[in-house]
């Protein structure tokens, strides 16, 4: 028995998904000191408000990470 295979190279495109049915972009912030994370929100200002509140409760926590989840889509050009 012989094995046969087909190899085909395709040119792919990758871009942010802006289709009407795309998942929404979401935002969160994470404290780099204690790794506590804000709730995920569709608006970036809510996690920023969380940072100010978290910093108020923890005066030595000055460093944060922004976590952005953005949908992307990929497809090949025929």
PDB file of N, CA and C in Angstrom:
ATOM      1  N   UNK A   1       0.843  -1.162   0.000  1.00  0.00           N
ATOM      2  CA  UNK A   1       0.000   0.000   0.000  1.00  0.00           C
ATOM      3  C   UNK A   1       0.903   1.244   0.000  1.00  0.00           C
ATOM      4  N   UNK A   2       0.587   2.196  -0.860  1.00  0.00           N
ATOM      5  CA  UNK A   2       1.351   3.438  -0.899  1.00  0.00           C
ATOM      6  C   UNK A   2       0.526   4.571  -0.287  1.00  0.00           C
ATOM      7  N   UNK A   3       1.226   5.523   0.260  1.00  0.00           N
ATOM      8  CA  UNK A   3       0.581   6.685   0.869  1.00  0.00           C
ATOM      9  C   UNK A   3       0.790   7.868  -0.053  1.00  0.00           C
ATOM     10  N   UNK A   4      -0.299   8.571  -0.324  1.00  0.00           N
ATOM     11  CA  UNK A   4      -0.208   9.756  -1.165  1.00  0.00           C
ATOM     12  C   UNK A   4      -0.682  10.955  -0.359  1.00  0.00           C
ATOM     13  N   UNK A   5      -0.102  12.081  -0.614  1.00  0.00           N
ATOM     14  CA  UNK A   5      -0.493  13.294   0.096  1.00  0.00           C
ATOM     15  C   UNK A   5      -0.515  14.479  -0.857  1.00  0.00           C
ATOM     16  N   UNK A   6      -1.283  15.450  -0.482  1.00  0.00           N
ATOM     17  CA  UNK A   6      -1.363  16.681  -1.258  1.00  0.00           C
ATOM     18  C   UNK A   6      -0.963  17.834  -0.338  1.00  0.00           C
ATOM     19  N   UNK A   7      -0.012  18.605  -0.807  1.00  0.00           N
ATOM     20  CA  UNK A   7       0.404  19.790  -0.067  1.00  0.00           C
ATOM     21  C   UNK A   7       0.010  20.994  -0.904  1.00  0.00           C
ATOM     22  N   UNK A   8      -0.711  21.907  -0.280  1.00  0.00           N
ATOM     23  CA  UNK A   8      -1.167  23.084  -1.004  1.00  0.00           C
ATOM     24  C   UNK A   8      -0.864  24.320  -0.153  1.00  0.00           C
ATOM     25  N   UNK A   9      -0.189  25.253  -0.738  1.00  0.00           N
ATOM     26  CA  UNK A   9       0.120  26.492  -0.038  1.00  0.00           C
ATOM     27  C   UNK A   9      -0.974  27.509  -0.330  1.00  0.00           C
ATOM     28  N   UNK A  10      -1.423  28.169   0.723  1.00  0.00           N
ATOM     29  CA  UNK A  10      -2.482  29.159   0.600  1.00  0.00           C
ATOM     30  C   UNK A  10      -1.987  30.476   1.186  1.00  0.00           C
ATOM     31  N   UNK A  11      -2.457  31.576   0.642  1.00  0.00           N
ATOM     32  CA  UNK A  11      -2.190  32.881   1.222  1.00  0.00           C
ATOM     33  C   UNK A  11      -3.339  33.209   2.161  1.00  0.00           C
ATOM     34  N   UNK A  12      -3.015  33.441   3.422  1.00  0.00           N
ATOM     35  CA  UNK A  12      -4.025  33.721   4.437  1.00  0.00           C
ATOM     36  C   UNK A  12      -4.025  35.195   4.802  1.00  0.00           C
ATOM     37  N   UNK A  13      -5.171  35.668   5.234  1.00  0.00           N
ATOM     38  CA  UNK A  13      -5.327  37.034   5.708  1.00  0.00           C
ATOM     39  C   UNK A  13      -5.785  36.973   7.156  1.00  0.00           C
ATOM     40  N   UNK A  14      -5.245  37.871   7.977  1.00  0.00           N
ATOM     41  CA  UNK A  14      -5.597  37.947   9.394  1.00  0.00           C
ATOM     42  C   UNK A  14      -5.900  39.405   9.718  1.00  0.00           C
ATOM     43  N   UNK A  15      -7.055  39.636  10.359  1.00  0.00           N
ATOM     44  CA  UNK A  15      -7.422  41.001  10.747  1.00  0.00           C
ATOM     45  C   UNK A  15      -8.403  40.960  11.904  1.00  0.00           C
ATOM     46  N   UNK A  16      -8.518  42.098  12.640  1.00  0.00           N
ATOM     47  CA  UNK A  16      -9.536  42.139  13.700  1.00  0.00           C
ATOM     48  C   UNK A  16     -10.912  41.869  13.112  1.00  0.00           C
ATOM     49  N   UNK A  17     -11.722  41.128  13.857  1.00  0.00           N
ATOM     50  CA  UNK A  17     -13.065  40.766  13.389  1.00  0.00           C
ATOM     51  C   UNK A  17     -14.018  41.916  13.686  1.00  0.00           C
ATOM     52  N   UNK A  18     -14.459  42.586  12.635  1.00  0.00           N
ATOM     53  CA  UNK A  18     -15.387  43.708  12.784  1.00  0.00           C
ATOM     54  C   UNK A  18     -16.763  43.374  12.206  1.00  0.00           C
ATOM     55  N   UNK A  19     -17.008  42.092  12.002  1.00  0.00           N
ATOM     56  CA  UNK A  19     -18.302  41.656  11.483  1.00  0.00           C
ATOM     57  C   UNK A  19     -19.382  41.918  12.539  1.00  0.00           C
ATOM     58  N   UNK A  20     -20.636  42.094  12.120  1.00  0.00           N
ATOM     59  CA  UNK A  20     -21.710  42.363  13.088  1.00  0.00           C
ATOM     60  C   UNK A  20     -21.874  41.277  14.153  1.00  0.00           C
ATOM     61  N   UNK A  21     -21.529  40.029  13.820  1.00  0.00           N
ATOM     62  CA  UNK A  21     -21.694  38.935  14.776  1.00  0.00           C
ATOM     63  C   UNK A  21     -20.409  38.626  15.557  1.00  0.00           C
ATOM     64  N   UNK A  22     -19.401  39.480  15.446  1.00  0.00           N
ATOM     65  CA  UNK A  22     -18.135  39.244  16.154  1.00  0.00           C
ATOM     66  C   UNK A  22     -18.338  39.406  17.656  1.00  0.00           C
ATOM     67  N   UNK A  23     -17.543  38.673  18.408  1.00  0.00           N
ATOM     68  CA  UNK A  23     -17.547  38.856  19.864  1.00  0.00           C
ATOM     69  C   UNK A  23     -17.106  40.283  20.171  1.00  0.00           C
ATOM     70  N   UNK A  24     -17.599  40.875  21.246  1.00  0.00           N
ATOM     71  CA  UNK A  24     -17.164  42.233  21.575  1.00  0.00           C
ATOM     72  C   UNK A  24     -15.738  42.231  22.137  1.00  0.00           C
ATOM     73  N   UNK A  25     -15.043  43.327  21.932  1.00  0.00           N
ATOM     74  CA  UNK A  25     -13.750  43.514  22.582  1.00  0.00           C
ATOM     75  C   UNK A  25     -14.023  43.739  24.059  1.00  0.00           C
ATOM     76  N   UNK A  26     -13.195  43.152  24.914  1.00  0.00           N
ATOM     77  CA  UNK A  26     -13.397  43.309  26.351  1.00  0.00           C
ATOM     78  C   UNK A  26     -12.094  43.737  27.014  1.00  0.00           C
ATOM     79  N   UNK A  27     -12.245  44.351  28.173  1.00  0.00           N
ATOM     80  CA  UNK A  27     -11.111  44.935  28.885  1.00  0.00           C
ATOM     81  C   UNK A  27     -11.129  44.504  30.343  1.00  0.00           C
ATOM     82  N   UNK A  28      -9.929  44.386  30.898  1.00  0.00           N
ATOM     83  CA  UNK A  28      -9.761  44.125  32.332  1.00  0.00           C
ATOM     84  C   UNK A  28      -8.398  44.681  32.727  1.00  0.00           C
ATOM     85  N   UNK A  29      -8.199  44.849  34.016  1.00  0.00           N
ATOM     86  CA  UNK A  29      -6.905  45.274  34.546  1.00  0.00           C
ATOM     87  C   UNK A  29      -6.490  44.268  35.609  1.00  0.00           C
ATOM     88  N   UNK A  30      -5.169  44.064  35.715  1.00  0.00           N
ATOM     89  CA  UNK A  30      -4.635  43.142  36.716  1.00  0.00           C
ATOM     90  C   UNK A  30      -3.544  43.846  37.496  1.00  0.00           C
ATOM     91  N   UNK A  31      -3.605  43.719  38.801  1.00  0.00           N
ATOM     92  CA  UNK A  31      -2.554  44.259  39.657  1.00  0.00           C
ATOM     93  C   UNK A  31      -1.312  43.386  39.509  1.00  0.00           C
ATOM     94  N   UNK A  32      -0.185  43.988  39.166  1.00  0.00           N
ATOM     95  CA  UNK A  32       1.052  43.223  38.997  1.00  0.00           C
ATOM     96  C   UNK A  32       1.673  42.851  40.338  1.00  0.00           C
ATOM     97  N   UNK A  33       1.212  43.442  41.426  1.00  0.00           N
ATOM     98  CA  UNK A  33       1.749  43.136  42.753  1.00  0.00           C
ATOM     99  C   UNK A  33       1.080  41.895  43.334  1.00  0.00           C
ATOM    100  N   UNK A  34      -0.269  41.899  43.376  1.00  0.00           N
ATOM    101  CA  UNK A  34      -0.987  40.781  44.002  1.00  0.00           C
ATOM    102  C   UNK A  34      -1.716  39.904  42.981  1.00  0.00           C
ATOM    103  N   UNK A  35      -1.716  40.309  41.715  1.00  0.00           N
ATOM    104  CA  UNK A  35      -2.347  39.591  40.604  1.00  0.00           C
ATOM    105  C   UNK A  35      -3.870  39.528  40.696  1.00  0.00           C
ATOM    106  N   UNK A  36      -4.473  40.350  41.549  1.00  0.00           N
ATOM    107  CA  UNK A  36      -5.931  40.443  41.560  1.00  0.00           C
ATOM    108  C   UNK A  36      -6.360  41.110  40.248  1.00  0.00           C
ATOM    109  N   UNK A  37      -7.473  40.653  39.686  1.00  0.00           N
ATOM    110  CA  UNK A  37      -7.934  41.138  38.390  1.00  0.00           C
ATOM    111  C   UNK A  37      -9.326  41.737  38.509  1.00  0.00           C
ATOM    112  N   UNK A  38      -9.519  42.828  37.781  1.00  0.00           N
ATOM    113  CA  UNK A  38     -10.830  43.477  37.759  1.00  0.00           C
ATOM    114  C   UNK A  38     -11.823  42.601  37.013  1.00  0.00           C
ATOM    115  N   UNK A  39     -13.107  42.875  37.169  1.00  0.00           N
ATOM    116  CA  UNK A  39     -14.087  42.208  36.315  1.00  0.00           C
ATOM    117  C   UNK A  39     -13.865  42.609  34.855  1.00  0.00           C
ATOM    118  N   UNK A  40     -14.198  41.709  33.948  1.00  0.00           N
ATOM    119  CA  UNK A  40     -14.098  41.981  32.508  1.00  0.00           C
ATOM    120  C   UNK A  40     -15.277  42.865  32.124  1.00  0.00           C
ATOM    121  N   UNK A  41     -15.001  43.865  31.282  1.00  0.00           N
ATOM    122  CA  UNK A  41     -16.042  44.818  30.918  1.00  0.00           C
ATOM    123  C   UNK A  41     -15.884  45.208  29.447  1.00  0.00           C
ATOM    124  N   UNK A  42     -16.975  45.551  28.812  1.00  0.00           N
ATOM    125  CA  UNK A  42     -16.936  45.976  27.409  1.00  0.00           C
ATOM    126  C   UNK A  42     -16.413  47.399  27.257  1.00  0.00           C
ATOM    127  N   UNK A  43     -16.408  48.168  28.336  1.00  0.00           N
ATOM    128  CA  UNK A  43     -15.927  49.549  28.319  1.00  0.00           C
ATOM    129  C   UNK A  43     -14.612  49.613  29.100  1.00  0.00           C
ATOM    130  N   UNK A  44     -13.589  50.245  28.536  1.00  0.00           N
ATOM    131  CA  UNK A  44     -12.287  50.259  29.193  1.00  0.00           C
ATOM    132  C   UNK A  44     -12.256  51.116  30.462  1.00  0.00           C
ATOM    133  N   UNK A  45     -13.215  52.034  30.632  1.00  0.00           N
ATOM    134  CA  UNK A  45     -13.148  52.921  31.787  1.00  0.00           C
ATOM    135  C   UNK A  45     -13.502  52.205  33.099  1.00  0.00           C
ATOM    136  N   UNK A  46     -14.348  51.195  33.049  1.00  0.00           N
ATOM    137  CA  UNK A  46     -14.717  50.469  34.275  1.00  0.00           C
ATOM    138  C   UNK A  46     -13.500  49.780  34.914  1.00  0.00           C
ATOM    139  N   UNK A  47     -12.659  49.056  34.139  1.00  0.00           N
ATOM    140  CA  UNK A  47     -11.457  48.482  34.752  1.00  0.00           C
ATOM    141  C   UNK A  47     -10.472  49.545  35.253  1.00  0.00           C
ATOM    142  N   UNK A  48     -10.433  50.695  34.594  1.00  0.00           N
ATOM    143  CA  UNK A  48      -9.561  51.771  35.081  1.00  0.00           C
ATOM    144  C   UNK A  48     -10.069  52.301  36.422  1.00  0.00           C
ATOM    145  N   UNK A  49     -11.372  52.385  36.581  1.00  0.00           N
ATOM    146  CA  UNK A  49     -11.943  52.778  37.878  1.00  0.00           C
ATOM    147  C   UNK A  49     -11.586  51.757  38.953  1.00  0.00           C
ATOM    148  N   UNK A  50     -11.569  50.471  38.565  1.00  0.00           N
ATOM    149  CA  UNK A  50     -11.195  49.413  39.505  1.00  0.00           C
ATOM    150  C   UNK A  50      -9.764  49.634  39.999  1.00  0.00           C
ATOM    151  N   UNK A  51      -8.855  50.040  39.087  1.00  0.00           N
ATOM    152  CA  UNK A  51      -7.459  50.294  39.478  1.00  0.00           C
ATOM    153  C   UNK A  51      -7.397  51.364  40.569  1.00  0.00           C
ATOM    154  N   UNK A  52      -8.137  52.440  40.383  1.00  0.00           N
ATOM    155  CA  UNK A  52      -8.108  53.517  41.376  1.00  0.00           C
ATOM    156  C   UNK A  52      -8.650  53.048  42.722  1.00  0.00           C
ATOM    157  N   UNK A  53      -9.709  52.246  42.695  1.00  0.00           N
ATOM    158  CA  UNK A  53     -10.260  51.714  43.942  1.00  0.00           C
ATOM    159  C   UNK A  53      -9.284  50.714  44.586  1.00  0.00           C
ATOM    160  N   UNK A  54      -8.692  49.854  43.781  1.00  0.00           N
ATOM    161  CA  UNK A  54      -7.747  48.849  44.292  1.00  0.00           C
ATOM    162  C   UNK A  54      -6.524  49.547  44.888  1.00  0.00           C
ATOM    163  N   UNK A  55      -6.021  50.554  44.183  1.00  0.00           N
ATOM    164  CA  UNK A  55      -4.876  51.296  44.698  1.00  0.00           C
ATOM    165  C   UNK A  55      -5.203  52.037  45.987  1.00  0.00           C
ATOM    166  N   UNK A  56      -6.442  52.494  46.114  1.00  0.00           N
ATOM    167  CA  UNK A  56      -6.859  53.154  47.349  1.00  0.00           C
ATOM    168  C   UNK A  56      -6.878  52.196  48.528  1.00  0.00           C
ATOM    169  N   UNK A  57      -7.257  50.939  48.263  1.00  0.00           N
ATOM    170  CA  UNK A  57      -7.283  49.927  49.328  1.00  0.00           C
ATOM    171  C   UNK A  57      -5.896  49.352  49.600  1.00  0.00           C
ATOM    172  N   UNK A  58      -5.000  49.459  48.614  1.00  0.00           N
ATOM    173  CA  UNK A  58      -3.649  48.880  48.712  1.00  0.00           C
ATOM    174  C   UNK A  58      -2.633  49.936  48.260  1.00  0.00           C
ATOM    175  N   UNK A  59      -2.257  50.861  49.139  1.00  0.00           N
ATOM    176  CA  UNK A  59      -1.430  51.998  48.740  1.00  0.00           C
ATOM    177  C   UNK A  59      -0.064  51.657  48.157  1.00  0.00           C
ATOM    178  N   UNK A  60       0.435  50.454  48.384  1.00  0.00           N
ATOM    179  CA  UNK A  60       1.744  50.082  47.832  1.00  0.00           C
ATOM    180  C   UNK A  60       1.634  49.419  46.454  1.00  0.00           C
ATOM    181  N   UNK A  61       0.433  49.263  45.923  1.00  0.00           N
ATOM    182  CA  UNK A  61       0.233  48.621  44.619  1.00  0.00           C
ATOM    183  C   UNK A  61       0.173  49.710  43.545  1.00  0.00           C
ATOM    184  N   UNK A  62       1.277  49.838  42.791  1.00  0.00           N
ATOM    185  CA  UNK A  62       1.396  50.911  41.796  1.00  0.00           C
ATOM    186  C   UNK A  62       1.476  50.408  40.360  1.00  0.00           C
ATOM    187  N   UNK A  63       1.577  49.112  40.155  1.00  0.00           N
ATOM    188  CA  UNK A  63       1.830  48.572  38.814  1.00  0.00           C
ATOM    189  C   UNK A  63       0.688  47.660  38.383  1.00  0.00           C
ATOM    190  N   UNK A  64       0.200  47.878  37.164  1.00  0.00           N
ATOM    191  CA  UNK A  64      -0.964  47.145  36.654  1.00  0.00           C
ATOM    192  C   UNK A  64      -0.737  46.705  35.208  1.00  0.00           C
ATOM    193  N   UNK A  65      -1.480  45.694  34.798  1.00  0.00           N
ATOM    194  CA  UNK A  65      -1.476  45.213  33.415  1.00  0.00           C
ATOM    195  C   UNK A  65      -2.865  45.412  32.831  1.00  0.00           C
ATOM    196  N   UNK A  66      -2.918  45.857  31.599  1.00  0.00           N
ATOM    197  CA  UNK A  66      -4.193  45.933  30.894  1.00  0.00           C
ATOM    198  C   UNK A  66      -4.365  44.637  30.112  1.00  0.00           C
ATOM    199  N   UNK A  67      -5.536  44.044  30.206  1.00  0.00           N
ATOM    200  CA  UNK A  67      -5.839  42.806  29.487  1.00  0.00           C
ATOM    201  C   UNK A  67      -6.949  43.126  28.492  1.00  0.00           C
ATOM    202  N   UNK A  68      -6.618  43.037  27.219  1.00  0.00           N
ATOM    203  CA  UNK A  68      -7.586  43.324  26.158  1.00  0.00           C
ATOM    204  C   UNK A  68      -7.837  42.023  25.400  1.00  0.00           C
ATOM    205  N   UNK A  69      -9.090  41.665  25.261  1.00  0.00           N
ATOM    206  CA  UNK A  69      -9.458  40.502  24.454  1.00  0.00           C
ATOM    207  C   UNK A  69     -10.192  41.036  23.233  1.00  0.00           C
ATOM    208  N   UNK A  70      -9.551  40.870  22.065  1.00  0.00           N
ATOM    209  CA  UNK A  70     -10.100  41.402  20.819  1.00  0.00           C
ATOM    210  C   UNK A  70     -10.268  40.240  19.845  1.00  0.00           C
ATOM    211  N   UNK A  71     -11.456  40.085  19.272  1.00  0.00           N
ATOM    212  CA  UNK A  71     -11.652  38.980  18.320  1.00  0.00           C
ATOM    213  C   UNK A  71     -10.929  39.252  17.001  1.00  0.00           C
ATOM    214  N   UNK A  72     -10.354  38.204  16.452  1.00  0.00           N
ATOM    215  CA  UNK A  72      -9.678  38.265  15.156  1.00  0.00           C
ATOM    216  C   UNK A  72     -10.273  37.195  14.261  1.00  0.00           C
ATOM    217  N   UNK A  73     -10.100  37.368  12.978  1.00  0.00           N
ATOM    218  CA  UNK A  73     -10.552  36.361  12.033  1.00  0.00           C
ATOM    219  C   UNK A  73      -9.467  36.118  10.991  1.00  0.00           C
ATOM    220  N   UNK A  74      -9.403  34.894  10.519  1.00  0.00           N
ATOM    221  CA  UNK A  74      -8.434  34.508   9.491  1.00  0.00           C
ATOM    222  C   UNK A  74      -9.179  33.754   8.387  1.00  0.00           C
ATOM    223  N   UNK A  75      -8.744  33.961   7.171  1.00  0.00           N
ATOM    224  CA  UNK A  75      -9.317  33.227   6.043  1.00  0.00           C
ATOM    225  C   UNK A  75      -8.284  33.179   4.935  1.00  0.00           C
ATOM    226  N   UNK A  76      -8.452  32.213   4.058  1.00  0.00           N
ATOM    227  CA  UNK A  76      -7.525  32.080   2.934  1.00  0.00           C
ATOM    228  C   UNK A  76      -8.168  32.635   1.682  1.00  0.00           C
ATOM    229  N   UNK A  77      -7.299  33.163   0.862  1.00  0.00           N
ATOM    230  CA  UNK A  77      -7.771  33.723  -0.406  1.00  0.00           C
ATOM    231  C   UNK A  77      -7.707  32.609  -1.456  1.00  0.00           C
ATOM    232  N   UNK A  78      -8.838  32.320  -2.108  1.00  0.00           N
ATOM    233  CA  UNK A  78      -8.834  31.244  -3.116  1.00  0.00           C
ATOM    234  C   UNK A  78      -8.032  31.627  -4.354  1.00  0.00           C
TER     235      UNK A  78
END
